[in-house]
Amino acid sequence: MDSDGDGVYDDRDKCPNTPRGIKVDSSGCPVPLTDKVVIDLKVEFDFDKAEIKSVYNDHLQKVANFLSAYPNAEGVIEGHTDSMGTEEYNHKLLIRELKVSGSIL
């Protein structure tokens, strides 16, 4: 049986519960990263909202799985707003949007 679906049977799996989509070695543990990994995740928010639409859930889950498999990985989250509203308001809105994004990841 392979409970986590990583291709390594449970009796040989030294890293049970590996997140889906993560490459593993013969013992079922995530393959160490040797190169820089870039994941481009684009999430667009509705006007004046800080709520993530469900259309982004699958991609967010893939990123969350990667971060779960590689907890020492470092990342950069960038955000941009449109030109409507004052600079101060857009800054506060951007902070809310980034907090929502970060909490999911």
PDB file of N, CA and C in Angstrom:
ATOM      1  N   MET A   1       0.841  -1.175   0.000  1.00  0.00           N
ATOM      2  CA  MET A   1       0.000   0.000   0.000  1.00  0.00           C
ATOM      3  C   MET A   1       0.891   1.246   0.000  1.00  0.00           C
ATOM      4  N   ASP A   2       0.459   2.273  -0.712  1.00  0.00           N
ATOM      5  CA  ASP A   2       1.171   3.549  -0.803  1.00  0.00           C
ATOM      6  C   ASP A   2       0.203   4.652  -0.383  1.00  0.00           C
ATOM      7  N   SER A   3       0.112   4.892   0.907  1.00  0.00           N
ATOM      8  CA  SER A   3      -0.898   5.799   1.462  1.00  0.00           C
ATOM      9  C   SER A   3      -0.802   7.233   0.958  1.00  0.00           C
ATOM     10  N   ASP A   4       0.425   7.728   0.736  1.00  0.00           N
ATOM     11  CA  ASP A   4       0.548   9.127   0.323  1.00  0.00           C
ATOM     12  C   ASP A   4       0.675   9.298  -1.195  1.00  0.00           C
ATOM     13  N   GLY A   5       0.656   8.174  -1.942  1.00  0.00           N
ATOM     14  CA  GLY A   5       0.643   8.249  -3.399  1.00  0.00           C
ATOM     15  C   GLY A   5       1.933   8.753  -4.026  1.00  0.00           C
ATOM     16  N   ASP A   6       3.057   8.580  -3.322  1.00  0.00           N
ATOM     17  CA  ASP A   6       4.322   9.067  -3.872  1.00  0.00           C
ATOM     18  C   ASP A   6       5.093   8.015  -4.673  1.00  0.00           C
ATOM     19  N   GLY A   7       4.518   6.813  -4.774  1.00  0.00           N
ATOM     20  CA  GLY A   7       5.165   5.751  -5.548  1.00  0.00           C
ATOM     21  C   GLY A   7       6.037   4.824  -4.723  1.00  0.00           C
ATOM     22  N   VAL A   8       6.117   5.042  -3.411  1.00  0.00           N
ATOM     23  CA  VAL A   8       6.922   4.200  -2.520  1.00  0.00           C
ATOM     24  C   VAL A   8       5.974   3.541  -1.523  1.00  0.00           C
ATOM     25  N   TYR A   9       6.046   2.204  -1.474  1.00  0.00           N
ATOM     26  CA  TYR A   9       5.163   1.479  -0.563  1.00  0.00           C
ATOM     27  C   TYR A   9       5.427   1.868   0.888  1.00  0.00           C
ATOM     28  N   ASP A  10       4.364   1.853   1.688  1.00  0.00           N
ATOM     29  CA  ASP A  10       4.424   2.306   3.073  1.00  0.00           C
ATOM     30  C   ASP A  10       5.509   1.610   3.892  1.00  0.00           C
ATOM     31  N   ASP A  11       5.731   0.330   3.663  1.00  0.00           N
ATOM     32  CA  ASP A  11       6.718  -0.393   4.471  1.00  0.00           C
ATOM     33  C   ASP A  11       8.156   0.066   4.191  1.00  0.00           C
ATOM     34  N   ARG A  12       8.380   0.793   3.082  1.00  0.00           N
ATOM     35  CA  ARG A  12       9.712   1.324   2.753  1.00  0.00           C
ATOM     36  C   ARG A  12       9.749   2.851   2.829  1.00  0.00           C
ATOM     37  N   ASP A  13       8.619   3.477   3.079  1.00  0.00           N
ATOM     38  CA  ASP A  13       8.498   4.939   3.032  1.00  0.00           C
ATOM     39  C   ASP A  13       8.992   5.573   4.330  1.00  0.00           C
ATOM     40  N   LYS A  14      10.141   6.246   4.256  1.00  0.00           N
ATOM     41  CA  LYS A  14      10.715   6.908   5.427  1.00  0.00           C
ATOM     42  C   LYS A  14      10.123   8.301   5.650  1.00  0.00           C
ATOM     43  N   CYS A  15       9.371   8.792   4.685  1.00  0.00           N
ATOM     44  CA  CYS A  15       8.734  10.114   4.796  1.00  0.00           C
ATOM     45  C   CYS A  15       7.257   9.981   4.431  1.00  0.00           C
ATOM     46  N   PRO A  16       6.474   9.402   5.332  1.00  0.00           N
ATOM     47  CA  PRO A  16       5.047   9.260   5.038  1.00  0.00           C
ATOM     48  C   PRO A  16       4.376  10.629   4.918  1.00  0.00           C
ATOM     49  N   ASN A  17       3.288  10.659   4.223  1.00  0.00           N
ATOM     50  CA  ASN A  17       2.505  11.884   4.028  1.00  0.00           C
ATOM     51  C   ASN A  17       3.209  12.948   3.194  1.00  0.00           C
ATOM     52  N   THR A  18       4.041  12.510   2.261  1.00  0.00           N
ATOM     53  CA  THR A  18       4.648  13.458   1.332  1.00  0.00           C
ATOM     54  C   THR A  18       3.520  14.121   0.542  1.00  0.00           C
ATOM     55  N   PRO A  19       3.550  15.464   0.430  1.00  0.00           N
ATOM     56  CA  PRO A  19       2.493  16.136  -0.329  1.00  0.00           C
ATOM     57  C   PRO A  19       2.446  15.675  -1.779  1.00  0.00           C
ATOM     58  N   ARG A  20       1.271  15.661  -2.356  1.00  0.00           N
ATOM     59  CA  ARG A  20       1.083  15.257  -3.749  1.00  0.00           C
ATOM     60  C   ARG A  20       1.898  16.139  -4.690  1.00  0.00           C
ATOM     61  N   GLY A  21       2.457  15.490  -5.729  1.00  0.00           N
ATOM     62  CA  GLY A  21       3.173  16.213  -6.767  1.00  0.00           C
ATOM     63  C   GLY A  21       4.633  16.478  -6.465  1.00  0.00           C
ATOM     64  N   ILE A  22       5.137  16.037  -5.314  1.00  0.00           N
ATOM     65  CA  ILE A  22       6.530  16.260  -4.950  1.00  0.00           C
ATOM     66  C   ILE A  22       7.357  15.052  -5.379  1.00  0.00           C
ATOM     67  N   LYS A  23       8.476  15.312  -6.066  1.00  0.00           N
ATOM     68  CA  LYS A  23       9.370  14.217  -6.467  1.00  0.00           C
ATOM     69  C   LYS A  23      10.056  13.655  -5.231  1.00  0.00           C
ATOM     70  N   VAL A  24      10.098  12.315  -5.145  1.00  0.00           N
ATOM     71  CA  VAL A  24      10.706  11.656  -3.996  1.00  0.00           C
ATOM     72  C   VAL A  24      11.811  10.707  -4.446  1.00  0.00           C
ATOM     73  N   ASP A  25      12.682  10.362  -3.494  1.00  0.00           N
ATOM     74  CA  ASP A  25      13.727   9.380  -3.770  1.00  0.00           C
ATOM     75  C   ASP A  25      13.192   7.981  -3.485  1.00  0.00           C
ATOM     76  N   SER A  26      14.060   6.987  -3.535  1.00  0.00           N
ATOM     77  CA  SER A  26      13.617   5.593  -3.365  1.00  0.00           C
ATOM     78  C   SER A  26      13.111   5.295  -1.958  1.00  0.00           C
ATOM     79  N   SER A  27      13.405   6.170  -0.990  1.00  0.00           N
ATOM     80  CA  SER A  27      12.904   5.960   0.366  1.00  0.00           C
ATOM     81  C   SER A  27      11.640   6.771   0.642  1.00  0.00           C
ATOM     82  N   GLY A  28      11.137   7.476  -0.392  1.00  0.00           N
ATOM     83  CA  GLY A  28       9.889   8.218  -0.248  1.00  0.00           C
ATOM     84  C   GLY A  28      10.045   9.618   0.316  1.00  0.00           C
ATOM     85  N   CYS A  29      11.274  10.111   0.402  1.00  0.00           N
ATOM     86  CA  CYS A  29      11.518  11.456   0.919  1.00  0.00           C
ATOM     87  C   CYS A  29      11.717  12.431  -0.243  1.00  0.00           C
ATOM     88  N   PRO A  30      11.341  13.698  -0.058  1.00  0.00           N
ATOM     89  CA  PRO A  30      11.512  14.675  -1.129  1.00  0.00           C
ATOM     90  C   PRO A  30      12.957  14.728  -1.615  1.00  0.00           C
ATOM     91  N   VAL A  31      13.117  14.766  -2.932  1.00  0.00           N
ATOM     92  CA  VAL A  31      14.443  14.870  -3.534  1.00  0.00           C
ATOM     93  C   VAL A  31      15.003  16.243  -3.168  1.00  0.00           C
ATOM     94  N   PRO A  32      16.245  16.293  -2.652  1.00  0.00           N
ATOM     95  CA  PRO A  32      16.819  17.596  -2.285  1.00  0.00           C
ATOM     96  C   PRO A  32      16.885  18.543  -3.486  1.00  0.00           C
ATOM     97  N   LEU A  33      16.643  19.794  -3.223  1.00  0.00           N
ATOM     98  CA  LEU A  33      16.714  20.794  -4.282  1.00  0.00           C
ATOM     99  C   LEU A  33      18.176  21.086  -4.591  1.00  0.00           C
ATOM    100  N   THR A  34      18.515  21.080  -5.864  1.00  0.00           N
ATOM    101  CA  THR A  34      19.874  21.409  -6.274  1.00  0.00           C
ATOM    102  C   THR A  34      19.914  22.692  -7.082  1.00  0.00           C
ATOM    103  N   ASP A  35      18.784  23.080  -7.606  1.00  0.00           N
ATOM    104  CA  ASP A  35      18.690  24.299  -8.401  1.00  0.00           C
ATOM    105  C   ASP A  35      17.646  25.226  -7.789  1.00  0.00           C
ATOM    106  N   LYS A  36      17.738  26.477  -8.177  1.00  0.00           N
ATOM    107  CA  LYS A  36      16.738  27.455  -7.758  1.00  0.00           C
ATOM    108  C   LYS A  36      15.399  27.087  -8.396  1.00  0.00           C
ATOM    109  N   VAL A  37      14.355  27.129  -7.613  1.00  0.00           N
ATOM    110  CA  VAL A  37      13.017  26.827  -8.102  1.00  0.00           C
ATOM    111  C   VAL A  37      12.220  28.130  -8.147  1.00  0.00           C
ATOM    112  N   VAL A  38      11.600  28.381  -9.274  1.00  0.00           N
ATOM    113  CA  VAL A  38      10.767  29.569  -9.417  1.00  0.00           C
ATOM    114  C   VAL A  38       9.346  29.106  -9.695  1.00  0.00           C
ATOM    115  N   ILE A  39       8.427  29.540  -8.865  1.00  0.00           N
ATOM    116  CA  ILE A  39       7.016  29.230  -9.048  1.00  0.00           C
ATOM    117  C   ILE A  39       6.292  30.548  -9.247  1.00  0.00           C
ATOM    118  N   ASP A  40       5.735  30.727 -10.403  1.00  0.00           N
ATOM    119  CA  ASP A  40       5.010  31.956 -10.700  1.00  0.00           C
ATOM    120  C   ASP A  40       3.539  31.724 -10.385  1.00  0.00           C
ATOM    121  N   LEU A  41       3.073  32.354  -9.353  1.00  0.00           N
ATOM    122  CA  LEU A  41       1.689  32.221  -8.917  1.00  0.00           C
ATOM    123  C   LEU A  41       1.036  33.588  -9.031  1.00  0.00           C
ATOM    124  N   LYS A  42       0.103  33.700  -9.933  1.00  0.00           N
ATOM    125  CA  LYS A  42      -0.576  34.979 -10.129  1.00  0.00           C
ATOM    126  C   LYS A  42      -2.003  34.849  -9.613  1.00  0.00           C
ATOM    127  N   VAL A  43      -2.322  35.652  -8.612  1.00  0.00           N
ATOM    128  CA  VAL A  43      -3.665  35.682  -8.033  1.00  0.00           C
ATOM    129  C   VAL A  43      -4.197  37.100  -8.224  1.00  0.00           C
ATOM    130  N   GLU A  44      -5.320  37.209  -8.871  1.00  0.00           N
ATOM    131  CA  GLU A  44      -5.940  38.511  -9.065  1.00  0.00           C
ATOM    132  C   GLU A  44      -7.147  38.633  -8.146  1.00  0.00           C
ATOM    133  N   PHE A  45      -7.241  39.772  -7.513  1.00  0.00           N
ATOM    134  CA  PHE A  45      -8.337  40.047  -6.594  1.00  0.00           C
ATOM    135  C   PHE A  45      -9.373  40.920  -7.284  1.00  0.00           C
ATOM    136  N   ASP A  46     -10.625  40.744  -6.896  1.00  0.00           N
ATOM    137  CA  ASP A  46     -11.663  41.641  -7.382  1.00  0.00           C
ATOM    138  C   ASP A  46     -11.406  43.033  -6.822  1.00  0.00           C
ATOM    139  N   PHE A  47     -11.965  44.020  -7.483  1.00  0.00           N
ATOM    140  CA  PHE A  47     -11.784  45.412  -7.073  1.00  0.00           C
ATOM    141  C   PHE A  47     -12.181  45.603  -5.612  1.00  0.00           C
ATOM    142  N   ASP A  48     -11.273  46.204  -4.848  1.00  0.00           N
ATOM    143  CA  ASP A  48     -11.511  46.566  -3.455  1.00  0.00           C
ATOM    144  C   ASP A  48     -11.788  45.357  -2.556  1.00  0.00           C
ATOM    145  N   LYS A  49     -11.238  44.199  -2.912  1.00  0.00           N
ATOM    146  CA  LYS A  49     -11.466  42.971  -2.133  1.00  0.00           C
ATOM    147  C   LYS A  49     -10.130  42.329  -1.756  1.00  0.00           C
ATOM    148  N   ALA A  50     -10.141  41.592  -0.655  1.00  0.00           N
ATOM    149  CA  ALA A  50      -8.977  40.827  -0.222  1.00  0.00           C
ATOM    150  C   ALA A  50      -9.388  39.375  -0.013  1.00  0.00           C
ATOM    151  N   GLU A  51     -10.189  38.857  -0.938  1.00  0.00           N
ATOM    152  CA  GLU A  51     -10.664  37.479  -0.870  1.00  0.00           C
ATOM    153  C   GLU A  51     -10.156  36.731  -2.093  1.00  0.00           C
ATOM    154  N   ILE A  52      -9.606  35.541  -1.860  1.00  0.00           N
ATOM    155  CA  ILE A  52      -9.078  34.741  -2.962  1.00  0.00           C
ATOM    156  C   ILE A  52     -10.196  33.905  -3.563  1.00  0.00           C
ATOM    157  N   LYS A  53     -10.332  33.994  -4.868  1.00  0.00           N
ATOM    158  CA  LYS A  53     -11.379  33.247  -5.573  1.00  0.00           C
ATOM    159  C   LYS A  53     -10.984  31.771  -5.679  1.00  0.00           C
ATOM    160  N   SER A  54     -11.969  30.909  -5.681  1.00  0.00           N
ATOM    161  CA  SER A  54     -11.732  29.456  -5.698  1.00  0.00           C
ATOM    162  C   SER A  54     -11.013  28.986  -6.952  1.00  0.00           C
ATOM    163  N   VAL A  55     -11.035  29.768  -8.019  1.00  0.00           N
ATOM    164  CA  VAL A  55     -10.352  29.373  -9.251  1.00  0.00           C
ATOM    165  C   VAL A  55      -8.841  29.209  -9.015  1.00  0.00           C
ATOM    166  N   TYR A  56      -8.321  29.816  -7.968  1.00  0.00           N
ATOM    167  CA  TYR A  56      -6.878  29.754  -7.676  1.00  0.00           C
ATOM    168  C   TYR A  56      -6.517  28.628  -6.705  1.00  0.00           C
ATOM    169  N   ASN A  57      -7.497  27.911  -6.172  1.00  0.00           N
ATOM    170  CA  ASN A  57      -7.244  26.918  -5.126  1.00  0.00           C
ATOM    171  C   ASN A  57      -6.250  25.834  -5.524  1.00  0.00           C
ATOM    172  N   ASP A  58      -6.386  25.258  -6.718  1.00  0.00           N
ATOM    173  CA  ASP A  58      -5.482  24.175  -7.131  1.00  0.00           C
ATOM    174  C   ASP A  58      -4.033  24.642  -7.194  1.00  0.00           C
ATOM    175  N   HIS A  59      -3.816  25.801  -7.791  1.00  0.00           N
ATOM    176  CA  HIS A  59      -2.448  26.305  -7.909  1.00  0.00           C
ATOM    177  C   HIS A  59      -1.889  26.662  -6.535  1.00  0.00           C
ATOM    178  N   LEU A  60      -2.702  27.267  -5.691  1.00  0.00           N
ATOM    179  CA  LEU A  60      -2.261  27.577  -4.331  1.00  0.00           C
ATOM    180  C   LEU A  60      -1.908  26.303  -3.579  1.00  0.00           C
ATOM    181  N   GLN A  61      -2.671  25.237  -3.790  1.00  0.00           N
ATOM    182  CA  GLN A  61      -2.390  23.974  -3.111  1.00  0.00           C
ATOM    183  C   GLN A  61      -1.053  23.392  -3.565  1.00  0.00           C
ATOM    184  N   LYS A  62      -0.742  23.512  -4.851  1.00  0.00           N
ATOM    185  CA  LYS A  62       0.548  23.024  -5.351  1.00  0.00           C
ATOM    186  C   LYS A  62       1.708  23.772  -4.698  1.00  0.00           C
ATOM    187  N   VAL A  63       1.561  25.074  -4.563  1.00  0.00           N
ATOM    188  CA  VAL A  63       2.604  25.871  -3.916  1.00  0.00           C
ATOM    189  C   VAL A  63       2.705  25.494  -2.438  1.00  0.00           C
ATOM    190  N   ALA A  64       1.556  25.334  -1.779  1.00  0.00           N
ATOM    191  CA  ALA A  64       1.551  24.942  -0.370  1.00  0.00           C
ATOM    192  C   ALA A  64       2.198  23.564  -0.187  1.00  0.00           C
ATOM    193  N   ASN A  65       1.944  22.630  -1.104  1.00  0.00           N
ATOM    194  CA  ASN A  65       2.568  21.308  -1.040  1.00  0.00           C
ATOM    195  C   ASN A  65       4.081  21.411  -1.159  1.00  0.00           C
ATOM    196  N   PHE A  66       4.538  22.256  -2.081  1.00  0.00           N
ATOM    197  CA  PHE A  66       5.980  22.444  -2.257  1.00  0.00           C
ATOM    198  C   PHE A  66       6.597  22.995  -0.968  1.00  0.00           C
ATOM    199  N   LEU A  67       5.966  24.013  -0.388  1.00  0.00           N
ATOM    200  CA  LEU A  67       6.501  24.606   0.838  1.00  0.00           C
ATOM    201  C   LEU A  67       6.459  23.626   2.002  1.00  0.00           C
ATOM    202  N   SER A  68       5.476  22.752   2.018  1.00  0.00           N
ATOM    203  CA  SER A  68       5.387  21.735   3.065  1.00  0.00           C
ATOM    204  C   SER A  68       6.516  20.711   2.925  1.00  0.00           C
ATOM    205  N   ALA A  69       6.836  20.344   1.687  1.00  0.00           N
ATOM    206  CA  ALA A  69       7.899  19.366   1.445  1.00  0.00           C
ATOM    207  C   ALA A  69       9.281  19.964   1.673  1.00  0.00           C
ATOM    208  N   TYR A  70       9.401  21.259   1.467  1.00  0.00           N
ATOM    209  CA  TYR A  70      10.690  21.945   1.612  1.00  0.00           C
ATOM    210  C   TYR A  70      10.523  23.114   2.586  1.00  0.00           C
ATOM    211  N   PRO A  71      10.404  22.821   3.881  1.00  0.00           N
ATOM    212  CA  PRO A  71      10.110  23.867   4.866  1.00  0.00           C
ATOM    213  C   PRO A  71      11.198  24.931   5.004  1.00  0.00           C
ATOM    214  N   ASN A  72      12.400  24.643   4.554  1.00  0.00           N
ATOM    215  CA  ASN A  72      13.474  25.630   4.640  1.00  0.00           C
ATOM    216  C   ASN A  72      13.565  26.505   3.394  1.00  0.00           C
ATOM    217  N   ALA A  73      12.669  26.273   2.449  1.00  0.00           N
ATOM    218  CA  ALA A  73      12.670  27.078   1.228  1.00  0.00           C
ATOM    219  C   ALA A  73      12.291  28.516   1.564  1.00  0.00           C
ATOM    220  N   GLU A  74      12.871  29.420   0.834  1.00  0.00           N
ATOM    221  CA  GLU A  74      12.560  30.830   1.010  1.00  0.00           C
ATOM    222  C   GLU A  74      11.777  31.300  -0.195  1.00  0.00           C
ATOM    223  N   GLY A  75      10.911  32.262   0.022  1.00  0.00           N
ATOM    224  CA  GLY A  75      10.101  32.748  -1.076  1.00  0.00           C
ATOM    225  C   GLY A  75       9.874  34.242  -0.996  1.00  0.00           C
ATOM    226  N   VAL A  76       9.402  34.768  -2.078  1.00  0.00           N
ATOM    227  CA  VAL A  76       9.078  36.184  -2.169  1.00  0.00           C
ATOM    228  C   VAL A  76       7.634  36.297  -2.635  1.00  0.00           C
ATOM    229  N   ILE A  77       6.860  37.061  -1.913  1.00  0.00           N
ATOM    230  CA  ILE A  77       5.491  37.344  -2.328  1.00  0.00           C
ATOM    231  C   ILE A  77       5.441  38.819  -2.700  1.00  0.00           C
ATOM    232  N   GLU A  78       5.039  39.084  -3.920  1.00  0.00           N
ATOM    233  CA  GLU A  78       4.923  40.464  -4.385  1.00  0.00           C
ATOM    234  C   GLU A  78       3.460  40.788  -4.608  1.00  0.00           C
ATOM    235  N   GLY A  79       3.128  42.041  -4.473  1.00  0.00           N
ATOM    236  CA  GLY A  79       1.762  42.456  -4.711  1.00  0.00           C
ATOM    237  C   GLY A  79       1.715  43.798  -5.398  1.00  0.00           C
ATOM    238  N   HIS A  80       0.672  43.986  -6.161  1.00  0.00           N
ATOM    239  CA  HIS A  80       0.487  45.236  -6.896  1.00  0.00           C
ATOM    240  C   HIS A  80      -0.989  45.610  -6.850  1.00  0.00           C
ATOM    241  N   THR A  81      -1.249  46.888  -6.846  1.00  0.00           N
ATOM    242  CA  THR A  81      -2.631  47.363  -6.891  1.00  0.00           C
ATOM    243  C   THR A  81      -2.833  48.179  -8.156  1.00  0.00           C
ATOM    244  N   ASP A  82      -4.082  48.484  -8.435  1.00  0.00           N
ATOM    245  CA  ASP A  82      -4.349  49.361  -9.578  1.00  0.00           C
ATOM    246  C   ASP A  82      -4.166  50.812  -9.135  1.00  0.00           C
ATOM    247  N   SER A  83      -4.420  51.722 -10.019  1.00  0.00           N
ATOM    248  CA  SER A  83      -4.190  53.136  -9.701  1.00  0.00           C
ATOM    249  C   SER A  83      -5.426  53.831  -9.118  1.00  0.00           C
ATOM    250  N   MET A  84      -6.501  53.086  -8.933  1.00  0.00           N
ATOM    251  CA  MET A  84      -7.697  53.692  -8.341  1.00  0.00           C
ATOM    252  C   MET A  84      -7.500  53.790  -6.831  1.00  0.00           C
ATOM    253  N   GLY A  85      -8.000  54.827  -6.243  1.00  0.00           N
ATOM    254  CA  GLY A  85      -7.847  55.011  -4.806  1.00  0.00           C
ATOM    255  C   GLY A  85      -6.552  55.738  -4.486  1.00  0.00           C
ATOM    256  N   THR A  86      -6.456  56.183  -3.251  1.00  0.00           N
ATOM    257  CA  THR A  86      -5.249  56.890  -2.834  1.00  0.00           C
ATOM    258  C   THR A  86      -4.118  55.901  -2.609  1.00  0.00           C
ATOM    259  N   GLU A  87      -2.921  56.420  -2.579  1.00  0.00           N
ATOM    260  CA  GLU A  87      -1.761  55.557  -2.331  1.00  0.00           C
ATOM    261  C   GLU A  87      -1.866  54.898  -0.960  1.00  0.00           C
ATOM    262  N   GLU A  88      -2.313  55.662   0.027  1.00  0.00           N
ATOM    263  CA  GLU A  88      -2.467  55.120   1.383  1.00  0.00           C
ATOM    264  C   GLU A  88      -3.508  54.000   1.418  1.00  0.00           C
ATOM    265  N   TYR A  89      -4.645  54.201   0.772  1.00  0.00           N
ATOM    266  CA  TYR A  89      -5.690  53.173   0.751  1.00  0.00           C
ATOM    267  C   TYR A  89      -5.190  51.919   0.038  1.00  0.00           C
ATOM    268  N   ASN A  90      -4.564  52.097  -1.126  1.00  0.00           N
ATOM    269  CA  ASN A  90      -4.066  50.945  -1.880  1.00  0.00           C
ATOM    270  C   ASN A  90      -3.012  50.178  -1.095  1.00  0.00           C
ATOM    271  N   HIS A  91      -2.197  50.890  -0.341  1.00  0.00           N
ATOM    272  CA  HIS A  91      -1.193  50.220   0.488  1.00  0.00           C
ATOM    273  C   HIS A  91      -1.875  49.334   1.535  1.00  0.00           C
ATOM    274  N   LYS A  92      -2.894  49.853   2.188  1.00  0.00           N
ATOM    275  CA  LYS A  92      -3.627  49.065   3.195  1.00  0.00           C
ATOM    276  C   LYS A  92      -4.330  47.871   2.549  1.00  0.00           C
ATOM    277  N   LEU A  93      -4.912  48.073   1.377  1.00  0.00           N
ATOM    278  CA  LEU A  93      -5.572  46.982   0.662  1.00  0.00           C
ATOM    279  C   LEU A  93      -4.554  45.910   0.275  1.00  0.00           C
ATOM    280  N   LEU A  94      -3.404  46.334  -0.212  1.00  0.00           N
ATOM    281  CA  LEU A  94      -2.353  45.387  -0.597  1.00  0.00           C
ATOM    282  C   LEU A  94      -1.888  44.559   0.597  1.00  0.00           C
ATOM    283  N   ILE A  95      -1.741  45.176   1.745  1.00  0.00           N
ATOM    284  CA  ILE A  95      -1.353  44.447   2.954  1.00  0.00           C
ATOM    285  C   ILE A  95      -2.400  43.381   3.281  1.00  0.00           C
ATOM    286  N   ARG A  96      -3.672  43.723   3.183  1.00  0.00           N
ATOM    287  CA  ARG A  96      -4.749  42.738   3.438  1.00  0.00           C
ATOM    288  C   ARG A  96      -4.668  41.593   2.450  1.00  0.00           C
ATOM    289  N   GLU A  97      -4.452  41.897   1.175  1.00  0.00           N
ATOM    290  CA  GLU A  97      -4.373  40.856   0.142  1.00  0.00           C
ATOM    291  C   GLU A  97      -3.178  39.941   0.369  1.00  0.00           C
ATOM    292  N   LEU A  98      -2.038  40.516   0.725  1.00  0.00           N
ATOM    293  CA  LEU A  98      -0.842  39.704   0.975  1.00  0.00           C
ATOM    294  C   LEU A  98      -1.009  38.836   2.219  1.00  0.00           C
ATOM    295  N   LYS A  99      -1.671  39.346   3.235  1.00  0.00           N
ATOM    296  CA  LYS A  99      -1.919  38.542   4.445  1.00  0.00           C
ATOM    297  C   LYS A  99      -2.797  37.337   4.120  1.00  0.00           C
ATOM    298  N   VAL A 100      -3.827  37.552   3.309  1.00  0.00           N
ATOM    299  CA  VAL A 100      -4.709  36.447   2.916  1.00  0.00           C
ATOM    300  C   VAL A 100      -3.923  35.415   2.119  1.00  0.00           C
ATOM    301  N   SER A 101      -3.111  35.861   1.181  1.00  0.00           N
ATOM    302  CA  SER A 101      -2.308  34.951   0.364  1.00  0.00           C
ATOM    303  C   SER A 101      -1.313  34.177   1.224  1.00  0.00           C
ATOM    304  N   GLY A 102      -0.619  34.890   2.098  1.00  0.00           N
ATOM    305  CA  GLY A 102       0.366  34.250   2.955  1.00  0.00           C
ATOM    306  C   GLY A 102      -0.238  33.259   3.921  1.00  0.00           C
ATOM    307  N   SER A 103      -1.426  33.546   4.425  1.00  0.00           N
ATOM    308  CA  SER A 103      -2.042  32.637   5.393  1.00  0.00           C
ATOM    309  C   SER A 103      -2.432  31.307   4.739  1.00  0.00           C
ATOM    310  N   ILE A 104      -2.748  31.339   3.472  1.00  0.00           N
ATOM    311  CA  ILE A 104      -3.091  30.105   2.757  1.00  0.00           C
ATOM    312  C   ILE A 104      -1.854  29.258   2.522  1.00  0.00           C
ATOM    313  N   LEU A 105      -0.754  29.918   2.246  1.00  0.00           N
ATOM    314  CA  LEU A 105       0.489  29.199   1.973  1.00  0.00           C
ATOM    315  C   LEU A 105       1.164  28.813   3.263  1.00  0.00           C
TER     316      LEU A 105
END
